[in-house]
């Protein structure tokens, strides 16, 4: 269960970075003639994924699947 939660966290991070770069691409390349809400939609997805990631980290810590450690 612990490994599965860690893999979900890594997968969420990858999707967050992908959504961020997708929004940057749409912001730079859209000329305004296509769908004008693509930037907003991709950044909304990033915010939702960030919220889900934060929730997963809190739940993992609460149930003891994730433990903080010092450097």
C-alpha atoms as a PDB file:
ATOM      1  CA  UNK A   1       0.000   0.000   0.000  1.00  0.00           C
ATOM      2  CA  UNK A   2       2.863   2.347   0.814  1.00  0.00           C
ATOM      3  CA  UNK A   3       4.523   1.793  -2.572  1.00  0.00           C
ATOM      4  CA  UNK A   4       1.233   2.298  -4.371  1.00  0.00           C
ATOM      5  CA  UNK A   5       0.667   5.654  -2.641  1.00  0.00           C
ATOM      6  CA  UNK A   6       4.195   6.779  -3.510  1.00  0.00           C
ATOM      7  CA  UNK A   7       3.647   5.841  -7.146  1.00  0.00           C
ATOM      8  CA  UNK A   8       0.356   7.782  -7.185  1.00  0.00           C
ATOM      9  CA  UNK A   9       2.161  10.832  -5.779  1.00  0.00           C
ATOM     10  CA  UNK A  10       4.843  10.608  -8.478  1.00  0.00           C
ATOM     11  CA  UNK A  11       2.207  10.126 -11.168  1.00  0.00           C
ATOM     12  CA  UNK A  12       0.290  13.172  -9.914  1.00  0.00           C
ATOM     13  CA  UNK A  13       3.494  15.240 -10.017  1.00  0.00           C
ATOM     14  CA  UNK A  14       4.127  14.170 -13.608  1.00  0.00           C
ATOM     15  CA  UNK A  15       0.586  15.130 -14.633  1.00  0.00           C
ATOM     16  CA  UNK A  16       0.911  18.493 -12.852  1.00  0.00           C
ATOM     17  CA  UNK A  17       4.121  19.319 -14.728  1.00  0.00           C
ATOM     18  CA  UNK A  18       2.568  18.144 -18.011  1.00  0.00           C
ATOM     19  CA  UNK A  19      -0.466  20.365 -17.467  1.00  0.00           C
ATOM     20  CA  UNK A  20       1.762  23.319 -16.626  1.00  0.00           C
ATOM     21  CA  UNK A  21       3.756  22.942 -19.849  1.00  0.00           C
ATOM     22  CA  UNK A  22       0.549  22.397 -21.811  1.00  0.00           C
ATOM     23  CA  UNK A  23      -0.803  25.706 -20.503  1.00  0.00           C
ATOM     24  CA  UNK A  24       2.466  27.424 -21.381  1.00  0.00           C
ATOM     25  CA  UNK A  25       2.308  26.007 -24.899  1.00  0.00           C
ATOM     26  CA  UNK A  26      -1.281  27.157 -25.387  1.00  0.00           C
ATOM     27  CA  UNK A  27      -0.414  30.594 -24.050  1.00  0.00           C
ATOM     28  CA  UNK A  28       2.508  30.967 -26.453  1.00  0.00           C
ATOM     29  CA  UNK A  29       1.035  29.385 -29.596  1.00  0.00           C
ATOM     30  CA  UNK A  30      -2.673  30.244 -29.651  1.00  0.00           C
ATOM     31  CA  UNK A  31      -3.441  33.068 -32.027  1.00  0.00           C
ATOM     32  CA  UNK A  32      -6.897  33.701 -30.588  1.00  0.00           C
ATOM     33  CA  UNK A  33      -8.813  32.089 -33.440  1.00  0.00           C
ATOM     34  CA  UNK A  34      -9.097  28.677 -31.837  1.00  0.00           C
ATOM     35  CA  UNK A  35     -10.695  27.760 -28.547  1.00  0.00           C
ATOM     36  CA  UNK A  36      -9.747  30.638 -26.250  1.00  0.00           C
ATOM     37  CA  UNK A  37     -10.308  28.743 -23.029  1.00  0.00           C
ATOM     38  CA  UNK A  38      -7.578  26.109 -23.492  1.00  0.00           C
ATOM     39  CA  UNK A  39      -5.105  27.976 -21.272  1.00  0.00           C
ATOM     40  CA  UNK A  40      -7.636  28.419 -18.490  1.00  0.00           C
ATOM     41  CA  UNK A  41      -8.762  24.802 -18.762  1.00  0.00           C
ATOM     42  CA  UNK A  42      -5.215  23.400 -18.585  1.00  0.00           C
ATOM     43  CA  UNK A  43      -4.334  25.576 -15.599  1.00  0.00           C
ATOM     44  CA  UNK A  44      -7.576  24.587 -13.873  1.00  0.00           C
ATOM     45  CA  UNK A  45      -6.593  20.951 -14.321  1.00  0.00           C
ATOM     46  CA  UNK A  46      -3.217  21.749 -12.762  1.00  0.00           C
ATOM     47  CA  UNK A  47      -4.843  23.368  -9.732  1.00  0.00           C
ATOM     48  CA  UNK A  48      -7.207  20.420  -9.232  1.00  0.00           C
ATOM     49  CA  UNK A  49      -4.326  17.956  -9.545  1.00  0.00           C
ATOM     50  CA  UNK A  50      -2.308  19.971  -7.027  1.00  0.00           C
ATOM     51  CA  UNK A  51      -5.222  19.848  -4.595  1.00  0.00           C
ATOM     52  CA  UNK A  52      -5.540  16.075  -5.095  1.00  0.00           C
ATOM     53  CA  UNK A  53      -1.791  15.651  -4.537  1.00  0.00           C
ATOM     54  CA  UNK A  54      -1.921  17.681  -1.334  1.00  0.00           C
ATOM     55  CA  UNK A  55      -4.885  15.626  -0.133  1.00  0.00           C
ATOM     56  CA  UNK A  56      -3.078  12.365  -0.907  1.00  0.00           C
ATOM     57  CA  UNK A  57      -0.055  13.526   1.069  1.00  0.00           C
ATOM     58  CA  UNK A  58      -2.206  14.460   4.067  1.00  0.00           C
ATOM     59  CA  UNK A  59      -4.111  11.163   3.979  1.00  0.00           C
ATOM     60  CA  UNK A  60      -0.877   9.200   3.589  1.00  0.00           C
ATOM     61  CA  UNK A  61       0.666  10.951   6.556  1.00  0.00           C
ATOM     62  CA  UNK A  62      -2.489  10.580   8.679  1.00  0.00           C
ATOM     63  CA  UNK A  63      -2.725   6.826   8.121  1.00  0.00           C
ATOM     64  CA  UNK A  64       1.029   6.302   8.491  1.00  0.00           C
ATOM     65  CA  UNK A  65       1.819   5.348   4.896  1.00  0.00           C
ATOM     66  CA  UNK A  66       4.162   8.309   4.472  1.00  0.00           C
ATOM     67  CA  UNK A  67       6.657   9.226   7.174  1.00  0.00           C
ATOM     68  CA  UNK A  68       8.692  12.430   7.261  1.00  0.00           C
ATOM     69  CA  UNK A  69      12.421  12.039   7.631  1.00  0.00           C
ATOM     70  CA  UNK A  70      15.316  14.370   8.205  1.00  0.00           C
ATOM     71  CA  UNK A  71      18.122  15.066   5.834  1.00  0.00           C
END
